[in-house]
Each structure stands twice: as structure tokens, then as C-alpha cells.
């Protein structure tokens, strides 16, 4: 993952220094920014691995950003990421006996506001070479926790392993910090970390107790020789699950701007040159 981050920075710096310095590219005003990034996701819940503060589960994102003032921007973004946990990674005997595990492939659609520490200039290319920012907003998460059984992945939500039919779509509150480097007039590279507060304890399908009638894949301690535990403690419902996303992003200023006079989105174009002659008959542009 670290090697990829280094390659992203080198690629952007090399590409932009060679192609993004044209006169016309800087003359056009650009108010919409395309963002794309790659990073890691870390989950916090009943199946968290206490040995890992930062997980290596992957995260990929793409989004659009628009500045409404010189310091404040709005961003909408789509994140795909995975989270996972396994009792086998824990040292606690109770967790090893529980023998639960999960993995979930997730989609998060967010809308956040961004406030920068330093103000941008009058034109997009006059922005600071370095900036720090904070963000916060709201999001919707689609999750689908699964576990492996006999070599095949099985979705856990339809099984109601705790007798609860929870929703696979959940509201999320994302917030965090980042810093941004200007690598050329048209490109930035940003490093961002964000906490996601959820309102569910079922990102991992583990929350409360074993039901009186134990469903399929609810009590997997029996698979390694431990007795069934109807009504016994299965999880900790005190705290909802959460996750963090760490991403390295490339930001590109698209050749578009939003016309605030009410004409909507327009593409900026080169100005046409015209030729005239002065009184002395000399060519004048």
C-alpha cells in the first residue's frame, strides 16, 4: 500500500509538470474538482483484531468537489471498501471459543462540507501550495456482512443469527481531517483520514445474545467442540460499530465551471484569436 502511494505521487508530479502548464489551461477558470483515491479501511466492533490499530482492508473512492467560497467547499463521494474481523486473531479465550468471523464489502455515498485553513486565491491556480482541512457531513452505507462456511461465503443478515432483522442500508456521519499538496496548477495530492460514526451494532452481525433457538451460523463455537449457549452473551450492545477510512487522493481541476448567473454547468473554452491592422498597416492582435 505504501509503495502505491509513492507511485501515485511520482506519476502525478511527472504527468502534470509535462502537460499541465499550458497557457490556455491556466486562463480557463475551473470550479469543479474530480477526486479519486485509494487507501485502507479499519473497523471497530465486536470482532476487532486488538493487535491491529490500522487494517489493510482496501478502500477506493471517486468524487466531485466544488468551492462555494475561497475556503469552503462541498463534496459528494462514493467509497467502496471492505471491513473484516475474526475471533481467531484475538488472545482472549472467550473470543476464541466464540469462533465468529465476518467480511463485508460496502458502498458509502456521502455529502460533506469542507473548510480549509488557508484561503484560495482569486483564481484556482493561485491556491496555497499546502493546506489543511476538516470535513463533516452525512452518508448512507450499504453493507453485507458474510462469513465463510465450508469454503463458501454466506450472507449473514438473512439468517438472523441473533433473531434480529436489521437493515443493510444505514445512515453514517463522516468527519475527519486531511492535508493537501499542490503539485501543479491543475493537480493536488491529498492525504485524508476520516471517522465514520454509525447507528448500528450490526456492521459485523454481532451485537447482543444468542437466541433461544440458535439459527444456522449463529453459534460457531460448537464447530470447535464447545457446547451451545442459548441466551448467552454473543456481543456487546453498549457501543455501536464504527470504521475509519485512510486515503491518498488525486484532485484534478476539470475544465468546467458553474455559472452562478443561472445558466448552469458550462465547459470553458479557449478564446478565439482575431486579427486586425493598425493605421500604419502593421499586423495587430
C-alpha atoms as a PDB file:
ATOM      1  CA  UNK A   1       0.000   0.000   0.000  1.00  0.00           C
ATOM      2  CA  UNK A   2       2.859   2.418   0.842  1.00  0.00           C
ATOM      3  CA  UNK A   3       4.520   1.635  -2.475  1.00  0.00           C
ATOM      4  CA  UNK A   4       1.300   2.519  -4.295  1.00  0.00           C
ATOM      5  CA  UNK A   5       1.080   5.897  -2.542  1.00  0.00           C
ATOM      6  CA  UNK A   6       4.626   6.745  -3.611  1.00  0.00           C
ATOM      7  CA  UNK A   7       3.915   5.731  -7.209  1.00  0.00           C
ATOM      8  CA  UNK A   8       0.755   7.881  -7.273  1.00  0.00           C
ATOM      9  CA  UNK A   9       2.676  10.962  -6.149  1.00  0.00           C
ATOM     10  CA  UNK A  10       5.518  10.367  -8.643  1.00  0.00           C
ATOM     11  CA  UNK A  11       3.075   9.789 -11.519  1.00  0.00           C
ATOM     12  CA  UNK A  12       1.050  12.916 -10.815  1.00  0.00           C
ATOM     13  CA  UNK A  13       4.132  15.116 -10.466  1.00  0.00           C
ATOM     14  CA  UNK A  14       5.696  13.799 -13.664  1.00  0.00           C
ATOM     15  CA  UNK A  15       2.491  13.994 -15.699  1.00  0.00           C
ATOM     16  CA  UNK A  16       1.431  17.426 -14.590  1.00  0.00           C
ATOM     17  CA  UNK A  17       4.858  19.016 -14.971  1.00  0.00           C
ATOM     18  CA  UNK A  18       4.920  17.834 -18.584  1.00  0.00           C
ATOM     19  CA  UNK A  19       1.362  18.559 -19.676  1.00  0.00           C
ATOM     20  CA  UNK A  20      -0.493  20.892 -17.342  1.00  0.00           C
ATOM     21  CA  UNK A  21       1.421  24.132 -17.743  1.00  0.00           C
ATOM     22  CA  UNK A  22      -0.113  25.364 -20.995  1.00  0.00           C
ATOM     23  CA  UNK A  23      -1.180  28.988 -21.248  1.00  0.00           C
ATOM     24  CA  UNK A  24      -4.782  28.207 -22.135  1.00  0.00           C
ATOM     25  CA  UNK A  25      -5.112  25.619 -19.353  1.00  0.00           C
ATOM     26  CA  UNK A  26      -4.382  28.354 -16.825  1.00  0.00           C
ATOM     27  CA  UNK A  27      -6.544  31.011 -18.495  1.00  0.00           C
ATOM     28  CA  UNK A  28      -9.699  28.953 -18.079  1.00  0.00           C
ATOM     29  CA  UNK A  29     -11.471  29.184 -14.778  1.00  0.00           C
ATOM     30  CA  UNK A  30     -12.127  25.776 -13.190  1.00  0.00           C
ATOM     31  CA  UNK A  31     -14.531  25.438 -10.288  1.00  0.00           C
ATOM     32  CA  UNK A  32     -15.223  21.678 -10.271  1.00  0.00           C
ATOM     33  CA  UNK A  33     -12.664  19.184  -8.972  1.00  0.00           C
ATOM     34  CA  UNK A  34     -12.584  15.462  -9.743  1.00  0.00           C
ATOM     35  CA  UNK A  35     -11.157  13.361  -6.908  1.00  0.00           C
ATOM     36  CA  UNK A  36     -10.028   9.740  -6.923  1.00  0.00           C
ATOM     37  CA  UNK A  37      -8.171   7.828  -4.264  1.00  0.00           C
ATOM     38  CA  UNK A  38      -7.020   4.573  -2.774  1.00  0.00           C
ATOM     39  CA  UNK A  39      -6.388   3.621   0.813  1.00  0.00           C
ATOM     40  CA  UNK A  40      -7.314   1.370   3.698  1.00  0.00           C
ATOM     41  CA  UNK A  41     -10.317   0.840   5.965  1.00  0.00           C
ATOM     42  CA  UNK A  42     -10.293  -0.088   9.646  1.00  0.00           C
ATOM     43  CA  UNK A  43     -13.301  -1.463  11.523  1.00  0.00           C
ATOM     44  CA  UNK A  44     -14.109  -1.132  15.242  1.00  0.00           C
ATOM     45  CA  UNK A  45     -16.615  -3.568  16.712  1.00  0.00           C
ATOM     46  CA  UNK A  46     -17.168  -6.914  18.429  1.00  0.00           C
ATOM     47  CA  UNK A  47     -14.793  -8.767  16.092  1.00  0.00           C
ATOM     48  CA  UNK A  48     -11.988  -6.184  16.030  1.00  0.00           C
ATOM     49  CA  UNK A  49      -8.460  -7.543  15.988  1.00  0.00           C
ATOM     50  CA  UNK A  50      -6.842  -5.884  19.042  1.00  0.00           C
ATOM     51  CA  UNK A  51      -3.384  -6.407  17.561  1.00  0.00           C
ATOM     52  CA  UNK A  52      -4.102  -4.173  14.558  1.00  0.00           C
ATOM     53  CA  UNK A  53      -4.623  -0.458  15.073  1.00  0.00           C
ATOM     54  CA  UNK A  54      -4.746   0.111  11.306  1.00  0.00           C
ATOM     55  CA  UNK A  55      -6.175  -2.525   8.975  1.00  0.00           C
ATOM     56  CA  UNK A  56      -5.025  -3.345   5.453  1.00  0.00           C
ATOM     57  CA  UNK A  57      -8.541  -3.826   4.066  1.00  0.00           C
ATOM     58  CA  UNK A  58      -8.757  -1.850   0.795  1.00  0.00           C
ATOM     59  CA  UNK A  59     -10.680   1.335   0.070  1.00  0.00           C
ATOM     60  CA  UNK A  60     -11.334   3.036  -3.300  1.00  0.00           C
ATOM     61  CA  UNK A  61     -13.173   6.317  -3.833  1.00  0.00           C
ATOM     62  CA  UNK A  62     -14.209   8.802  -6.510  1.00  0.00           C
ATOM     63  CA  UNK A  63     -15.965  12.132  -6.084  1.00  0.00           C
ATOM     64  CA  UNK A  64     -16.674  15.695  -7.182  1.00  0.00           C
ATOM     65  CA  UNK A  65     -15.865  18.826  -5.222  1.00  0.00           C
ATOM     66  CA  UNK A  66     -16.979  22.438  -5.674  1.00  0.00           C
ATOM     67  CA  UNK A  67     -15.818  25.589  -3.861  1.00  0.00           C
ATOM     68  CA  UNK A  68     -18.653  27.879  -2.785  1.00  0.00           C
ATOM     69  CA  UNK A  69     -16.217  30.362  -1.188  1.00  0.00           C
ATOM     70  CA  UNK A  70     -12.432  30.684  -1.140  1.00  0.00           C
ATOM     71  CA  UNK A  71     -12.243  28.456   1.955  1.00  0.00           C
ATOM     72  CA  UNK A  72     -15.418  26.346   1.955  1.00  0.00           C
ATOM     73  CA  UNK A  73     -16.219  23.527  -0.467  1.00  0.00           C
ATOM     74  CA  UNK A  74     -18.900  20.878  -0.942  1.00  0.00           C
ATOM     75  CA  UNK A  75     -18.048  17.317  -1.926  1.00  0.00           C
ATOM     76  CA  UNK A  76     -20.028  14.263  -2.910  1.00  0.00           C
ATOM     77  CA  UNK A  77     -18.156  10.975  -2.952  1.00  0.00           C
ATOM     78  CA  UNK A  78     -18.646   7.264  -3.496  1.00  0.00           C
ATOM     79  CA  UNK A  79     -16.477   4.910  -1.437  1.00  0.00           C
ATOM     80  CA  UNK A  80     -16.077   1.181  -1.886  1.00  0.00           C
ATOM     81  CA  UNK A  81     -14.292  -0.592   0.944  1.00  0.00           C
ATOM     82  CA  UNK A  82     -14.143  -3.831   2.869  1.00  0.00           C
ATOM     83  CA  UNK A  83     -14.042  -4.493   6.604  1.00  0.00           C
ATOM     84  CA  UNK A  84     -13.421  -7.776   8.387  1.00  0.00           C
ATOM     85  CA  UNK A  85     -12.849  -9.383  11.761  1.00  0.00           C
ATOM     86  CA  UNK A  86     -12.101 -12.822  13.182  1.00  0.00           C
ATOM     87  CA  UNK A  87     -12.142 -14.215  16.714  1.00  0.00           C
ATOM     88  CA  UNK A  88      -9.132 -16.352  15.805  1.00  0.00           C
ATOM     89  CA  UNK A  89      -6.997 -13.192  15.786  1.00  0.00           C
ATOM     90  CA  UNK A  90      -7.821 -12.407  19.437  1.00  0.00           C
ATOM     91  CA  UNK A  91      -5.928 -13.593  22.511  1.00  0.00           C
ATOM     92  CA  UNK A  92      -9.000 -13.731  24.757  1.00  0.00           C
ATOM     93  CA  UNK A  93     -10.209 -17.284  25.431  1.00  0.00           C
ATOM     94  CA  UNK A  94     -13.852 -16.202  25.334  1.00  0.00           C
ATOM     95  CA  UNK A  95     -13.446 -14.851  21.826  1.00  0.00           C
ATOM     96  CA  UNK A  96     -11.566 -17.894  20.596  1.00  0.00           C
ATOM     97  CA  UNK A  97     -14.376 -20.119  21.894  1.00  0.00           C
ATOM     98  CA  UNK A  98     -16.979 -17.906  20.225  1.00  0.00           C
ATOM     99  CA  UNK A  99     -15.293 -18.633  16.873  1.00  0.00           C
ATOM    100  CA  UNK A 100     -17.101 -15.932  14.860  1.00  0.00           C
ATOM    101  CA  UNK A 101     -15.780 -14.122  11.809  1.00  0.00           C
ATOM    102  CA  UNK A 102     -17.056 -11.847   9.068  1.00  0.00           C
ATOM    103  CA  UNK A 103     -16.109  -9.877   5.997  1.00  0.00           C
ATOM    104  CA  UNK A 104     -18.206  -7.172   4.368  1.00  0.00           C
ATOM    105  CA  UNK A 105     -17.950  -5.387   1.038  1.00  0.00           C
ATOM    106  CA  UNK A 106     -19.523  -1.944   1.421  1.00  0.00           C
ATOM    107  CA  UNK A 107     -20.610   1.093  -0.585  1.00  0.00           C
ATOM    108  CA  UNK A 108     -20.789   4.523   1.032  1.00  0.00           C
ATOM    109  CA  UNK A 109     -22.337   7.577  -0.655  1.00  0.00           C
ATOM    110  CA  UNK A 110     -21.528  10.791   1.197  1.00  0.00           C
ATOM    111  CA  UNK A 111     -22.082  14.535   1.025  1.00  0.00           C
ATOM    112  CA  UNK A 112     -19.765  16.653   3.169  1.00  0.00           C
ATOM    113  CA  UNK A 113     -18.739  20.231   3.716  1.00  0.00           C
ATOM    114  CA  UNK A 114     -15.036  21.082   3.729  1.00  0.00           C
ATOM    115  CA  UNK A 115     -13.385  24.059   5.421  1.00  0.00           C
ATOM    116  CA  UNK A 116      -9.758  24.890   4.621  1.00  0.00           C
ATOM    117  CA  UNK A 117      -7.281  26.518   6.976  1.00  0.00           C
ATOM    118  CA  UNK A 118      -5.932  28.847   4.278  1.00  0.00           C
ATOM    119  CA  UNK A 119      -7.970  30.766   1.735  1.00  0.00           C
ATOM    120  CA  UNK A 120      -7.592  30.157  -2.009  1.00  0.00           C
ATOM    121  CA  UNK A 121      -6.543  32.956  -4.350  1.00  0.00           C
ATOM    122  CA  UNK A 122      -8.716  34.802  -6.853  1.00  0.00           C
ATOM    123  CA  UNK A 123      -8.003  32.119  -9.462  1.00  0.00           C
ATOM    124  CA  UNK A 124      -7.881  28.355  -8.948  1.00  0.00           C
ATOM    125  CA  UNK A 125      -4.145  28.131  -9.722  1.00  0.00           C
ATOM    126  CA  UNK A 126      -3.345  30.739  -7.056  1.00  0.00           C
ATOM    127  CA  UNK A 127      -4.343  28.415  -4.241  1.00  0.00           C
ATOM    128  CA  UNK A 128      -1.787  27.712  -1.458  1.00  0.00           C
ATOM    129  CA  UNK A 129       0.931  25.131  -2.043  1.00  0.00           C
ATOM    130  CA  UNK A 130      -0.107  23.455   1.223  1.00  0.00           C
ATOM    131  CA  UNK A 131      -3.416  23.420   3.057  1.00  0.00           C
ATOM    132  CA  UNK A 132      -5.068  21.667   5.987  1.00  0.00           C
ATOM    133  CA  UNK A 133      -8.788  20.987   6.019  1.00  0.00           C
ATOM    134  CA  UNK A 134     -11.584  19.491   8.098  1.00  0.00           C
ATOM    135  CA  UNK A 135     -14.754  17.895   6.791  1.00  0.00           C
ATOM    136  CA  UNK A 136     -18.082  16.635   8.068  1.00  0.00           C
ATOM    137  CA  UNK A 137     -21.473  15.677   6.704  1.00  0.00           C
ATOM    138  CA  UNK A 138     -23.748  12.695   6.255  1.00  0.00           C
ATOM    139  CA  UNK A 139     -23.713   9.450   4.278  1.00  0.00           C
ATOM    140  CA  UNK A 140     -25.594   6.276   3.538  1.00  0.00           C
ATOM    141  CA  UNK A 141     -23.893   2.908   3.797  1.00  0.00           C
ATOM    142  CA  UNK A 142     -24.807  -0.319   2.060  1.00  0.00           C
ATOM    143  CA  UNK A 143     -23.278  -3.257   3.927  1.00  0.00           C
ATOM    144  CA  UNK A 144     -23.474  -7.013   3.569  1.00  0.00           C
ATOM    145  CA  UNK A 145     -21.663  -8.984   6.299  1.00  0.00           C
ATOM    146  CA  UNK A 146     -20.734 -12.521   5.287  1.00  0.00           C
ATOM    147  CA  UNK A 147     -18.872 -15.443   6.793  1.00  0.00           C
ATOM    148  CA  UNK A 148     -17.104 -18.421   5.309  1.00  0.00           C
ATOM    149  CA  UNK A 149     -18.685 -21.852   5.724  1.00  0.00           C
ATOM    150  CA  UNK A 150     -17.269 -24.958   4.055  1.00  0.00           C
ATOM    151  CA  UNK A 151     -15.224 -22.771   1.728  1.00  0.00           C
ATOM    152  CA  UNK A 152     -18.148 -20.615   0.567  1.00  0.00           C
ATOM    153  CA  UNK A 153     -19.203 -17.107   1.598  1.00  0.00           C
ATOM    154  CA  UNK A 154     -22.653 -16.973   3.234  1.00  0.00           C
ATOM    155  CA  UNK A 155     -24.620 -13.730   3.782  1.00  0.00           C
ATOM    156  CA  UNK A 156     -25.459 -13.394   7.483  1.00  0.00           C
ATOM    157  CA  UNK A 157     -28.303 -10.864   7.535  1.00  0.00           C
ATOM    158  CA  UNK A 158     -30.928 -13.236   6.023  1.00  0.00           C
ATOM    159  CA  UNK A 159     -30.059 -15.846   8.696  1.00  0.00           C
ATOM    160  CA  UNK A 160     -30.981 -13.507  11.602  1.00  0.00           C
ATOM    161  CA  UNK A 161     -28.249 -15.015  13.760  1.00  0.00           C
ATOM    162  CA  UNK A 162     -29.487 -13.055  16.805  1.00  0.00           C
ATOM    163  CA  UNK A 163     -33.158 -13.084  15.863  1.00  0.00           C
ATOM    164  CA  UNK A 164     -32.916  -9.503  14.551  1.00  0.00           C
ATOM    165  CA  UNK A 165     -33.749  -8.399  11.005  1.00  0.00           C
ATOM    166  CA  UNK A 166     -31.537  -5.314  10.659  1.00  0.00           C
ATOM    167  CA  UNK A 167     -31.346  -3.151   7.543  1.00  0.00           C
ATOM    168  CA  UNK A 168     -28.429  -3.420   5.114  1.00  0.00           C
ATOM    169  CA  UNK A 169     -28.677   0.349   4.455  1.00  0.00           C
ATOM    170  CA  UNK A 170     -27.544   2.511   7.361  1.00  0.00           C
ATOM    171  CA  UNK A 171     -27.070   6.263   7.991  1.00  0.00           C
ATOM    172  CA  UNK A 172     -23.500   7.315   8.707  1.00  0.00           C
ATOM    173  CA  UNK A 173     -21.880  10.515   9.989  1.00  0.00           C
ATOM    174  CA  UNK A 174     -18.437  11.020   8.374  1.00  0.00           C
ATOM    175  CA  UNK A 175     -15.938  13.557   9.715  1.00  0.00           C
ATOM    176  CA  UNK A 176     -12.195  13.941   9.724  1.00  0.00           C
ATOM    177  CA  UNK A 177      -9.057  15.835   8.740  1.00  0.00           C
ATOM    178  CA  UNK A 178      -6.717  15.998   5.791  1.00  0.00           C
ATOM    179  CA  UNK A 179      -3.887  17.955   4.224  1.00  0.00           C
ATOM    180  CA  UNK A 180      -3.412  18.857   0.598  1.00  0.00           C
ATOM    181  CA  UNK A 181      -0.333  19.475  -1.545  1.00  0.00           C
ATOM    182  CA  UNK A 182      -0.436  21.467  -4.768  1.00  0.00           C
ATOM    183  CA  UNK A 183       1.754  19.559  -7.233  1.00  0.00           C
ATOM    184  CA  UNK A 184       0.853  21.613 -10.323  1.00  0.00           C
ATOM    185  CA  UNK A 185      -1.687  24.288 -11.321  1.00  0.00           C
ATOM    186  CA  UNK A 186      -4.221  21.578 -12.231  1.00  0.00           C
ATOM    187  CA  UNK A 187      -3.460  18.819  -9.702  1.00  0.00           C
ATOM    188  CA  UNK A 188      -3.382  18.305  -5.937  1.00  0.00           C
ATOM    189  CA  UNK A 189      -2.473  15.281  -3.855  1.00  0.00           C
ATOM    190  CA  UNK A 190      -4.298  14.980  -0.534  1.00  0.00           C
ATOM    191  CA  UNK A 191      -3.919  12.683   2.457  1.00  0.00           C
ATOM    192  CA  UNK A 192      -7.135  12.178   4.398  1.00  0.00           C
ATOM    193  CA  UNK A 193      -8.326  10.280   7.439  1.00  0.00           C
ATOM    194  CA  UNK A 194     -11.971  10.105   8.415  1.00  0.00           C
ATOM    195  CA  UNK A 195     -14.003   8.545  11.224  1.00  0.00           C
ATOM    196  CA  UNK A 196     -17.407   7.072  10.406  1.00  0.00           C
ATOM    197  CA  UNK A 197     -19.972   7.044  13.191  1.00  0.00           C
ATOM    198  CA  UNK A 198     -22.720   4.501  12.638  1.00  0.00           C
ATOM    199  CA  UNK A 199     -26.018   3.987  14.438  1.00  0.00           C
ATOM    200  CA  UNK A 200     -25.982   0.207  14.272  1.00  0.00           C
ATOM    201  CA  UNK A 201     -24.147  -2.559  16.096  1.00  0.00           C
ATOM    202  CA  UNK A 202     -24.536  -4.961  13.179  1.00  0.00           C
ATOM    203  CA  UNK A 203     -21.770  -3.999  10.756  1.00  0.00           C
ATOM    204  CA  UNK A 204     -20.262  -7.333  11.845  1.00  0.00           C
ATOM    205  CA  UNK A 205     -23.578  -9.173  12.514  1.00  0.00           C
ATOM    206  CA  UNK A 206     -22.648  -9.413  16.227  1.00  0.00           C
ATOM    207  CA  UNK A 207     -24.357  -7.388  18.959  1.00  0.00           C
ATOM    208  CA  UNK A 208     -26.286  -8.983  21.844  1.00  0.00           C
ATOM    209  CA  UNK A 209     -27.034 -12.599  22.848  1.00  0.00           C
ATOM    210  CA  UNK A 210     -27.625 -15.998  21.302  1.00  0.00           C
ATOM    211  CA  UNK A 211     -31.354 -16.544  20.672  1.00  0.00           C
ATOM    212  CA  UNK A 212     -33.225 -19.349  22.436  1.00  0.00           C
ATOM    213  CA  UNK A 213     -33.401 -21.269  19.179  1.00  0.00           C
ATOM    214  CA  UNK A 214     -29.952 -20.893  17.666  1.00  0.00           C
ATOM    215  CA  UNK A 215     -30.039 -20.260  13.889  1.00  0.00           C
ATOM    216  CA  UNK A 216     -27.531 -21.530  11.355  1.00  0.00           C
ATOM    217  CA  UNK A 217     -24.044 -19.976  11.809  1.00  0.00           C
ATOM    218  CA  UNK A 218     -25.092 -18.135  14.984  1.00  0.00           C
ATOM    219  CA  UNK A 219     -23.074 -20.200  17.482  1.00  0.00           C
ATOM    220  CA  UNK A 220     -19.919 -21.418  15.763  1.00  0.00           C
ATOM    221  CA  UNK A 221     -18.223 -22.432  18.991  1.00  0.00           C
ATOM    222  CA  UNK A 222     -19.904 -25.808  18.503  1.00  0.00           C
ATOM    223  CA  UNK A 223     -17.761 -26.322  15.413  1.00  0.00           C
ATOM    224  CA  UNK A 224     -14.636 -26.466  17.587  1.00  0.00           C
ATOM    225  CA  UNK A 225     -16.113 -28.575  20.393  1.00  0.00           C
ATOM    226  CA  UNK A 226     -17.773 -26.071  22.738  1.00  0.00           C
ATOM    227  CA  UNK A 227     -21.399 -26.518  23.896  1.00  0.00           C
ATOM    228  CA  UNK A 228     -24.279 -24.420  22.596  1.00  0.00           C
ATOM    229  CA  UNK A 229     -25.106 -21.262  24.569  1.00  0.00           C
ATOM    230  CA  UNK A 230     -28.806 -20.296  24.082  1.00  0.00           C
ATOM    231  CA  UNK A 231     -29.368 -16.904  25.717  1.00  0.00           C
ATOM    232  CA  UNK A 232     -25.641 -16.473  26.381  1.00  0.00           C
ATOM    233  CA  UNK A 233     -23.651 -13.351  25.594  1.00  0.00           C
ATOM    234  CA  UNK A 234     -22.695 -13.118  21.923  1.00  0.00           C
ATOM    235  CA  UNK A 235     -21.653  -9.467  21.621  1.00  0.00           C
ATOM    236  CA  UNK A 236     -21.545  -6.116  23.402  1.00  0.00           C
ATOM    237  CA  UNK A 237     -24.507  -3.846  22.558  1.00  0.00           C
ATOM    238  CA  UNK A 238     -23.157  -0.937  24.618  1.00  0.00           C
ATOM    239  CA  UNK A 239     -21.350   0.730  21.706  1.00  0.00           C
ATOM    240  CA  UNK A 240     -22.305   0.896  18.045  1.00  0.00           C
ATOM    241  CA  UNK A 241     -19.812  -0.269  15.432  1.00  0.00           C
ATOM    242  CA  UNK A 242     -17.645   2.244  13.578  1.00  0.00           C
ATOM    243  CA  UNK A 243     -14.932   2.397  10.945  1.00  0.00           C
ATOM    244  CA  UNK A 244     -12.192   4.662   9.641  1.00  0.00           C
ATOM    245  CA  UNK A 245     -11.014   5.365   6.104  1.00  0.00           C
ATOM    246  CA  UNK A 246      -7.481   6.497   5.254  1.00  0.00           C
ATOM    247  CA  UNK A 247      -6.973   7.587   1.652  1.00  0.00           C
ATOM    248  CA  UNK A 248      -4.444   9.179  -0.652  1.00  0.00           C
ATOM    249  CA  UNK A 249      -6.300  11.175  -3.305  1.00  0.00           C
ATOM    250  CA  UNK A 250      -5.510  12.860  -6.580  1.00  0.00           C
ATOM    251  CA  UNK A 251      -7.535  16.020  -7.248  1.00  0.00           C
ATOM    252  CA  UNK A 252      -7.897  17.350 -10.803  1.00  0.00           C
ATOM    253  CA  UNK A 253      -9.446  20.705 -11.742  1.00  0.00           C
ATOM    254  CA  UNK A 254     -11.866  19.909 -14.555  1.00  0.00           C
ATOM    255  CA  UNK A 255     -12.228  22.382 -17.469  1.00  0.00           C
ATOM    256  CA  UNK A 256     -15.747  23.215 -16.265  1.00  0.00           C
ATOM    257  CA  UNK A 257     -17.261  25.878 -14.107  1.00  0.00           C
ATOM    258  CA  UNK A 258     -20.667  26.555 -12.610  1.00  0.00           C
ATOM    259  CA  UNK A 259     -22.169  29.735 -13.990  1.00  0.00           C
ATOM    260  CA  UNK A 260     -23.633  31.494 -10.957  1.00  0.00           C
ATOM    261  CA  UNK A 261     -25.782  33.707 -13.166  1.00  0.00           C
ATOM    262  CA  UNK A 262     -28.193  30.806 -13.585  1.00  0.00           C
ATOM    263  CA  UNK A 263     -27.009  29.184 -16.815  1.00  0.00           C
ATOM    264  CA  UNK A 264     -25.896  26.018 -15.052  1.00  0.00           C
ATOM    265  CA  UNK A 265     -22.784  23.999 -15.830  1.00  0.00           C
ATOM    266  CA  UNK A 266     -20.665  25.169 -18.759  1.00  0.00           C
ATOM    267  CA  UNK A 267     -17.408  23.968 -20.281  1.00  0.00           C
ATOM    268  CA  UNK A 268     -14.701  26.575 -20.514  1.00  0.00           C
ATOM    269  CA  UNK A 269     -13.215  27.095 -23.961  1.00  0.00           C
ATOM    270  CA  UNK A 270     -10.226  28.793 -25.482  1.00  0.00           C
ATOM    271  CA  UNK A 271     -10.736  32.371 -26.543  1.00  0.00           C
ATOM    272  CA  UNK A 272     -10.636  32.801 -30.296  1.00  0.00           C
ATOM    273  CA  UNK A 273      -7.827  34.959 -31.672  1.00  0.00           C
ATOM    274  CA  UNK A 274      -8.688  37.760 -34.064  1.00  0.00           C
ATOM    275  CA  UNK A 275      -6.507  39.732 -36.495  1.00  0.00           C
ATOM    276  CA  UNK A 276      -6.609  43.467 -37.175  1.00  0.00           C
ATOM    277  CA  UNK A 277      -4.348  46.025 -38.851  1.00  0.00           C
ATOM    278  CA  UNK A 278      -3.498  49.379 -37.323  1.00  0.00           C
ATOM    279  CA  UNK A 279      -3.283  52.693 -39.159  1.00  0.00           C
ATOM    280  CA  UNK A 280       0.314  52.021 -40.224  1.00  0.00           C
ATOM    281  CA  UNK A 281      -0.704  48.762 -41.871  1.00  0.00           C
ATOM    282  CA  UNK A 282       1.031  46.620 -39.303  1.00  0.00           C
ATOM    283  CA  UNK A 283      -0.491  43.399 -38.049  1.00  0.00           C
ATOM    284  CA  UNK A 284      -2.122  43.783 -34.648  1.00  0.00           C
ATOM    285  CA  UNK A 285      -3.714  41.155 -32.475  1.00  0.00           C
END
